[in-house]
Amino acid sequence: MKKLFPISLLCLFIFTTGYAQHSKGKSSELGIFLGGSYYIGDINPLVHFGPMTKPAAGAVFRYNLNPRFALRANVLFGSIQADDAIAKSAAQQQRNLNFKSPVTEFSIQAEFNFLDYQLGDERKKFTPYIFLGIGAFKFNPVATYDNYSYTLQPLGTEGQGLDGGPKKKYKLTQISIPFGVGIKTHLSKRIGLSIEWGMRKTFTDYIDDVSTTYYDPAALAASHGDVSAVASDPSIGTDPNYSNVGKQRGDPNTQDWYSFAGFVLTLKLKEKRETCPGVN
């Protein structure tokens, strides 16, 4: 399954490029994205568009190869967060983990329009579409306890770099596979509007700093300070004589996801006029 995404992406780009070489109607658009971002993972395993959805924005460049295919480049900025305290699960509430993180994404995507679409052409003014791409994103999870905020990755909360823990701390720049659906239309001959929902498949389980098991808090405190031990296990309502060490903290068998959803407003750039050879 992990190999299916990049193979599908490569096939789509090859097919798109080959098709474009024999088609007309190329044009370019520049615009903005406005919407929201959220995450799916160990602290929010199920809820889409929940109360933790935060504002997002960005810039978009679209190159229309023909009425059915387009290539797009994005730089998107958002924020994601989740909190066990608002979960419906009593076990999650007791675990008491939370995080928030900025997300910056750079990506390229291929779009396929189900109907012929050309900005400014009344005969081709509407289409649903799908997209698939590849991107890189930056994140940096932070947790808040007792009104203090802690940047989590340097704390090694699951024993990163210590005996029995993961060998290295996770990287804060990762690869993602954006894919999703949308609807396009135009508001005038040069202004286009899209509404879309996109998910991001990632290859990390640490966007939320949660993945495996609880590490020994005494060892964490000795190596990284008391803050590391607190951020690792802030669970509430447990027997003081009970230890979480070695118990499940997250699910390492699933990776984290994040989403951008919203509106894309674009302006069609002026096209160069075609001239016949020998004519000025």
Protein backbone atom coordinates (compact mmCIF):
# COMPACT_ATOMS: atom_id res chain seq x y z
CA MET A 1 0.00 0.00 0.00
CA LYS A 2 2.83 2.43 0.81
CA LYS A 3 4.25 1.91 -2.71
CA LEU A 4 0.87 2.46 -4.39
CA PHE A 5 0.74 6.23 -3.79
CA PRO A 6 4.03 7.21 -5.51
CA ILE A 7 3.43 4.72 -8.35
CA SER A 8 -0.05 6.13 -8.96
CA LEU A 9 1.34 9.65 -8.82
CA LEU A 10 4.07 8.86 -11.36
CA CYS A 11 1.58 7.26 -13.75
CA LEU A 12 -0.77 10.23 -13.47
CA PHE A 13 2.00 12.73 -14.23
CA ILE A 14 3.26 10.69 -17.20
CA PHE A 15 -0.25 10.37 -18.63
CA THR A 16 -0.99 14.05 -18.01
CA THR A 17 2.20 15.25 -19.68
CA GLY A 18 1.74 12.93 -22.66
CA TYR A 19 -1.84 14.02 -23.16
CA ALA A 20 -0.89 17.71 -22.92
CA GLN A 21 1.57 17.47 -25.79
CA HIS A 22 -1.28 16.89 -28.21
CA SER A 23 -3.83 19.34 -26.81
CA LYS A 24 -4.69 23.01 -26.87
CA GLY A 25 -6.09 25.39 -24.32
CA LYS A 26 -3.08 25.92 -22.09
CA SER A 27 -3.40 28.73 -19.55
CA SER A 28 -2.08 29.77 -16.13
CA GLU A 29 -3.76 30.93 -12.94
CA LEU A 30 -2.42 32.50 -9.77
CA GLY A 31 -4.45 32.63 -6.60
CA ILE A 32 -4.99 32.14 -2.89
CA PHE A 33 -6.28 29.35 -0.69
CA LEU A 34 -8.48 30.13 2.33
CA GLY A 35 -9.93 27.46 4.56
CA GLY A 36 -9.13 25.22 7.48
CA SER A 37 -6.73 22.50 8.59
CA TYR A 38 -7.01 19.60 11.02
CA TYR A 39 -5.31 16.32 11.88
CA ILE A 40 -6.20 12.63 12.31
CA GLY A 41 -4.00 10.54 14.59
CA ASP A 42 -3.55 9.08 18.06
CA ILE A 43 -5.20 12.00 19.89
CA ASN A 44 -7.95 12.50 17.29
CA PRO A 45 -8.46 9.14 15.58
CA LEU A 46 -11.86 9.70 13.96
CA VAL A 47 -13.28 13.23 13.91
CA HIS A 48 -13.09 15.20 10.65
CA PHE A 49 -13.85 18.95 10.71
CA GLY A 50 -14.15 18.88 14.50
CA PRO A 51 -13.82 21.70 17.03
CA MET A 52 -10.03 21.67 16.66
CA THR A 53 -10.16 22.68 12.98
CA LYS A 54 -8.11 25.86 12.60
CA PRO A 55 -7.81 28.59 9.90
CA ALA A 56 -5.43 27.97 7.00
CA ALA A 57 -4.24 30.00 4.02
CA GLY A 58 -1.79 29.83 1.17
CA ALA A 59 -0.80 30.64 -2.41
CA VAL A 60 -1.60 28.57 -5.51
CA PHE A 61 -0.29 28.46 -9.08
CA ARG A 62 -2.23 26.34 -11.57
CA TYR A 63 -1.12 25.49 -15.11
CA ASN A 64 -4.00 24.20 -17.24
CA LEU A 65 -2.68 21.74 -19.79
CA ASN A 66 -6.06 21.27 -21.45
CA PRO A 67 -9.75 21.21 -20.42
CA ARG A 68 -9.27 17.97 -18.48
CA PHE A 69 -5.83 18.18 -16.87
CA ALA A 70 -3.93 20.75 -14.81
CA LEU A 71 -0.74 20.89 -12.76
CA ARG A 72 -0.64 22.90 -9.56
CA ALA A 73 1.95 24.17 -7.10
CA ASN A 74 0.99 25.17 -3.54
CA VAL A 75 2.48 26.72 -0.47
CA LEU A 76 0.01 26.30 2.40
CA PHE A 77 0.07 27.40 6.03
CA GLY A 78 -2.13 25.97 8.74
CA SER A 79 -2.33 24.82 12.33
CA ILE A 80 -3.36 21.45 13.74
CA GLN A 81 -4.12 20.38 17.29
CA ALA A 82 -5.94 17.86 19.46
CA ASP A 83 -6.63 17.30 23.14
CA ASP A 84 -7.51 14.14 25.05
CA ALA A 85 -9.47 16.29 27.50
CA ILE A 86 -12.31 16.78 24.99
CA ALA A 87 -12.38 13.18 23.76
CA LYS A 88 -15.46 11.00 24.30
CA SER A 89 -13.27 8.10 25.40
CA ALA A 90 -12.68 7.90 29.16
CA ALA A 91 -9.33 6.23 28.51
CA GLN A 92 -8.23 9.17 26.38
CA GLN A 93 -9.36 11.67 28.97
CA GLN A 94 -7.30 9.85 31.58
CA ARG A 95 -4.25 9.77 29.26
CA ASN A 96 -4.53 13.59 29.10
CA LEU A 97 -2.19 14.24 26.17
CA ASN A 98 -2.49 17.32 23.97
CA PHE A 99 -0.58 19.06 21.22
CA LYS A 100 -0.71 21.83 18.68
CA SER A 101 1.58 22.47 15.75
CA PRO A 102 1.98 24.86 12.84
CA VAL A 103 2.08 23.15 9.45
CA THR A 104 3.78 24.53 6.36
CA GLU A 105 3.39 22.54 3.15
CA PHE A 106 5.04 22.83 -0.25
CA SER A 107 3.43 20.54 -2.83
CA ILE A 108 2.78 19.86 -6.49
CA GLN A 109 -0.41 18.20 -7.68
CA ALA A 110 -2.00 16.86 -10.84
CA GLU A 111 -5.71 17.63 -11.26
CA PHE A 112 -8.18 15.70 -13.40
CA ASN A 113 -11.47 17.39 -14.36
CA PHE A 114 -14.40 15.05 -14.91
CA LEU A 115 -15.91 17.54 -17.37
CA ASP A 116 -14.25 19.85 -19.87
CA TYR A 117 -13.40 23.05 -18.01
CA GLN A 118 -11.85 26.27 -19.27
CA LEU A 119 -11.78 29.47 -17.24
CA GLY A 120 -13.82 32.14 -19.03
CA ASP A 121 -15.60 29.76 -21.42
CA GLU A 122 -19.36 29.69 -20.70
CA ARG A 123 -19.61 26.29 -22.39
CA LYS A 124 -17.06 24.82 -19.98
CA LYS A 125 -17.71 26.64 -16.73
CA PHE A 126 -18.19 23.86 -14.16
CA THR A 127 -16.60 20.54 -13.23
CA PRO A 128 -15.93 18.25 -10.28
CA TYR A 129 -12.27 17.19 -10.07
CA ILE A 130 -9.82 15.03 -8.19
CA PHE A 131 -6.16 15.63 -7.41
CA LEU A 132 -3.09 13.69 -6.39
CA GLY A 133 0.39 14.99 -5.65
CA ILE A 134 3.50 14.93 -3.55
CA GLY A 135 4.67 17.42 -0.97
CA ALA A 136 6.97 18.23 1.91
CA PHE A 137 5.72 19.66 5.18
CA LYS A 138 7.19 21.10 8.36
CA PHE A 139 5.66 20.75 11.81
CA ASN A 140 6.71 21.26 15.43
CA PRO A 141 4.40 19.86 18.13
CA VAL A 142 3.92 21.78 21.39
CA ALA A 143 2.00 20.63 24.49
CA THR A 144 0.52 22.73 27.29
CA TYR A 145 0.23 21.59 30.92
CA ASP A 146 -0.49 23.79 33.95
CA ASN A 147 -0.39 26.89 31.72
CA TYR A 148 3.15 26.12 30.51
CA SER A 149 3.91 25.17 26.90
CA TYR A 150 6.65 22.73 25.93
CA THR A 151 8.18 22.04 22.53
CA LEU A 152 7.96 18.26 22.45
CA GLN A 153 10.46 16.91 19.94
CA PRO A 154 13.61 17.93 21.90
CA LEU A 155 12.19 16.27 25.05
CA GLY A 156 12.28 12.73 23.64
CA THR A 157 9.02 11.86 25.42
CA GLU A 158 9.06 8.21 24.30
CA GLY A 159 12.71 7.65 25.18
CA GLN A 160 14.21 8.62 21.83
CA GLY A 161 17.96 8.02 21.97
CA LEU A 162 17.78 6.15 25.29
CA ASP A 163 18.03 2.44 25.99
CA GLY A 164 14.93 0.62 24.78
CA GLY A 165 13.47 3.68 23.07
CA PRO A 166 13.50 4.74 19.41
CA LYS A 167 17.06 5.24 18.17
CA LYS A 168 16.61 8.80 16.94
CA LYS A 169 14.29 11.74 17.42
CA TYR A 170 11.79 12.16 14.62
CA LYS A 171 12.43 14.71 11.89
CA LEU A 172 10.30 17.85 11.76
CA THR A 173 10.28 17.91 7.95
CA GLN A 174 8.49 15.00 6.28
CA ILE A 175 7.02 13.85 2.97
CA SER A 176 3.27 13.80 2.37
CA ILE A 177 0.94 12.62 -0.40
CA PRO A 178 -1.90 15.14 -0.95
CA PHE A 179 -5.07 13.83 -2.58
CA GLY A 180 -8.68 14.90 -2.62
CA VAL A 181 -11.77 16.12 -4.44
CA GLY A 182 -13.21 19.47 -5.41
CA ILE A 183 -15.53 21.50 -7.62
CA LYS A 184 -14.45 24.25 -10.03
CA THR A 185 -16.39 27.09 -11.60
CA HIS A 186 -15.66 30.62 -12.76
CA LEU A 187 -16.98 33.92 -11.52
CA SER A 188 -15.90 35.91 -14.60
CA LYS A 189 -13.75 35.46 -17.69
CA ARG A 190 -10.58 35.64 -15.59
CA ILE A 191 -11.60 34.73 -12.04
CA GLY A 192 -12.07 31.11 -11.01
CA LEU A 193 -13.35 29.55 -7.79
CA SER A 194 -12.71 26.04 -6.45
CA ILE A 195 -14.00 24.34 -3.32
CA GLU A 196 -11.94 21.35 -2.26
CA TRP A 197 -11.17 18.89 0.50
CA GLY A 198 -7.75 17.29 0.59
CA MET A 199 -6.21 14.71 2.89
CA ARG A 200 -2.48 14.21 3.39
CA LYS A 201 -1.05 10.74 3.73
CA THR A 202 2.14 11.00 5.79
CA PHE A 203 4.92 8.57 6.66
CA THR A 204 5.36 9.62 10.29
CA ASP A 205 3.44 8.78 13.45
CA TYR A 206 4.88 11.72 15.39
CA ILE A 207 2.97 14.77 14.18
CA ASP A 208 1.33 14.64 17.63
CA ASP A 209 4.49 13.33 19.43
CA VAL A 210 2.57 10.12 20.24
CA SER A 211 3.35 6.70 18.79
CA THR A 212 4.55 3.81 20.96
CA THR A 213 4.70 3.14 24.72
CA TYR A 214 5.33 5.02 27.96
CA TYR A 215 8.99 5.32 28.89
CA ASP A 216 10.44 5.31 32.40
CA PRO A 217 9.80 8.86 33.74
CA ALA A 218 12.79 8.66 36.09
CA ALA A 219 15.11 7.93 33.15
CA LEU A 220 13.55 10.74 31.13
CA ALA A 221 13.96 13.20 34.00
CA ALA A 222 17.59 12.19 34.49
CA SER A 223 18.38 12.56 30.79
CA HIS A 224 16.12 15.40 29.57
CA GLY A 225 14.83 17.03 32.75
CA ASP A 226 11.60 16.91 34.72
CA VAL A 227 9.67 18.59 31.88
CA SER A 228 10.26 15.54 29.67
CA ALA A 229 8.77 13.22 32.30
CA VAL A 230 5.70 15.45 32.73
CA ALA A 231 5.08 15.77 28.98
CA SER A 232 5.57 12.04 28.51
CA ASP A 233 2.92 11.00 31.03
CA PRO A 234 0.51 13.67 32.29
CA SER A 235 -2.22 11.08 32.94
CA ILE A 236 -4.75 11.88 35.63
CA GLY A 237 -6.81 9.87 38.12
CA THR A 238 -4.42 6.92 38.38
CA ASP A 239 -3.25 5.09 41.49
CA PRO A 240 0.05 6.66 42.63
CA ASN A 241 1.46 3.15 42.99
CA TYR A 242 0.50 2.23 39.39
CA SER A 243 3.08 2.56 36.63
CA ASN A 244 2.36 3.20 32.95
CA VAL A 245 5.90 2.26 31.90
CA GLY A 246 5.75 -0.11 28.93
CA LYS A 247 2.00 0.39 28.50
CA GLN A 248 0.51 1.57 25.22
CA ARG A 249 0.74 5.34 24.74
CA GLY A 250 -0.12 5.44 21.02
CA ASP A 251 -0.59 3.11 18.06
CA PRO A 252 2.65 2.65 16.07
CA ASN A 253 0.81 0.65 13.40
CA THR A 254 -0.96 3.72 11.99
CA GLN A 255 0.56 6.91 10.60
CA ASP A 256 -0.77 10.42 11.21
CA TRP A 257 -2.77 12.37 8.62
CA TYR A 258 -3.60 16.03 8.18
CA SER A 259 -6.01 17.92 5.96
CA PHE A 260 -6.45 21.23 4.16
CA ALA A 261 -9.98 22.09 3.02
CA GLY A 262 -11.42 25.34 1.73
CA PHE A 263 -11.69 27.74 -1.21
CA VAL A 264 -9.21 28.46 -4.00
CA LEU A 265 -9.71 31.83 -5.72
CA THR A 266 -7.59 32.28 -8.84
CA LEU A 267 -6.91 34.93 -11.47
CA LYS A 268 -6.18 33.84 -15.03
CA LEU A 269 -2.89 35.28 -16.19
CA LYS A 270 -2.71 37.00 -19.55
CA GLU A 271 -1.71 34.68 -22.34
CA LYS A 272 0.86 35.39 -25.03
CA ARG A 273 -0.74 35.93 -28.38
CA GLU A 274 0.19 33.42 -31.03
CA THR A 275 1.60 34.84 -34.26
CA CYS A 276 2.26 33.28 -37.62
CA PRO A 277 5.88 32.92 -38.78
CA GLY A 278 7.10 36.03 -40.53
CA VAL A 279 4.28 38.21 -39.15
CA ASN A 280 5.11 40.90 -36.52
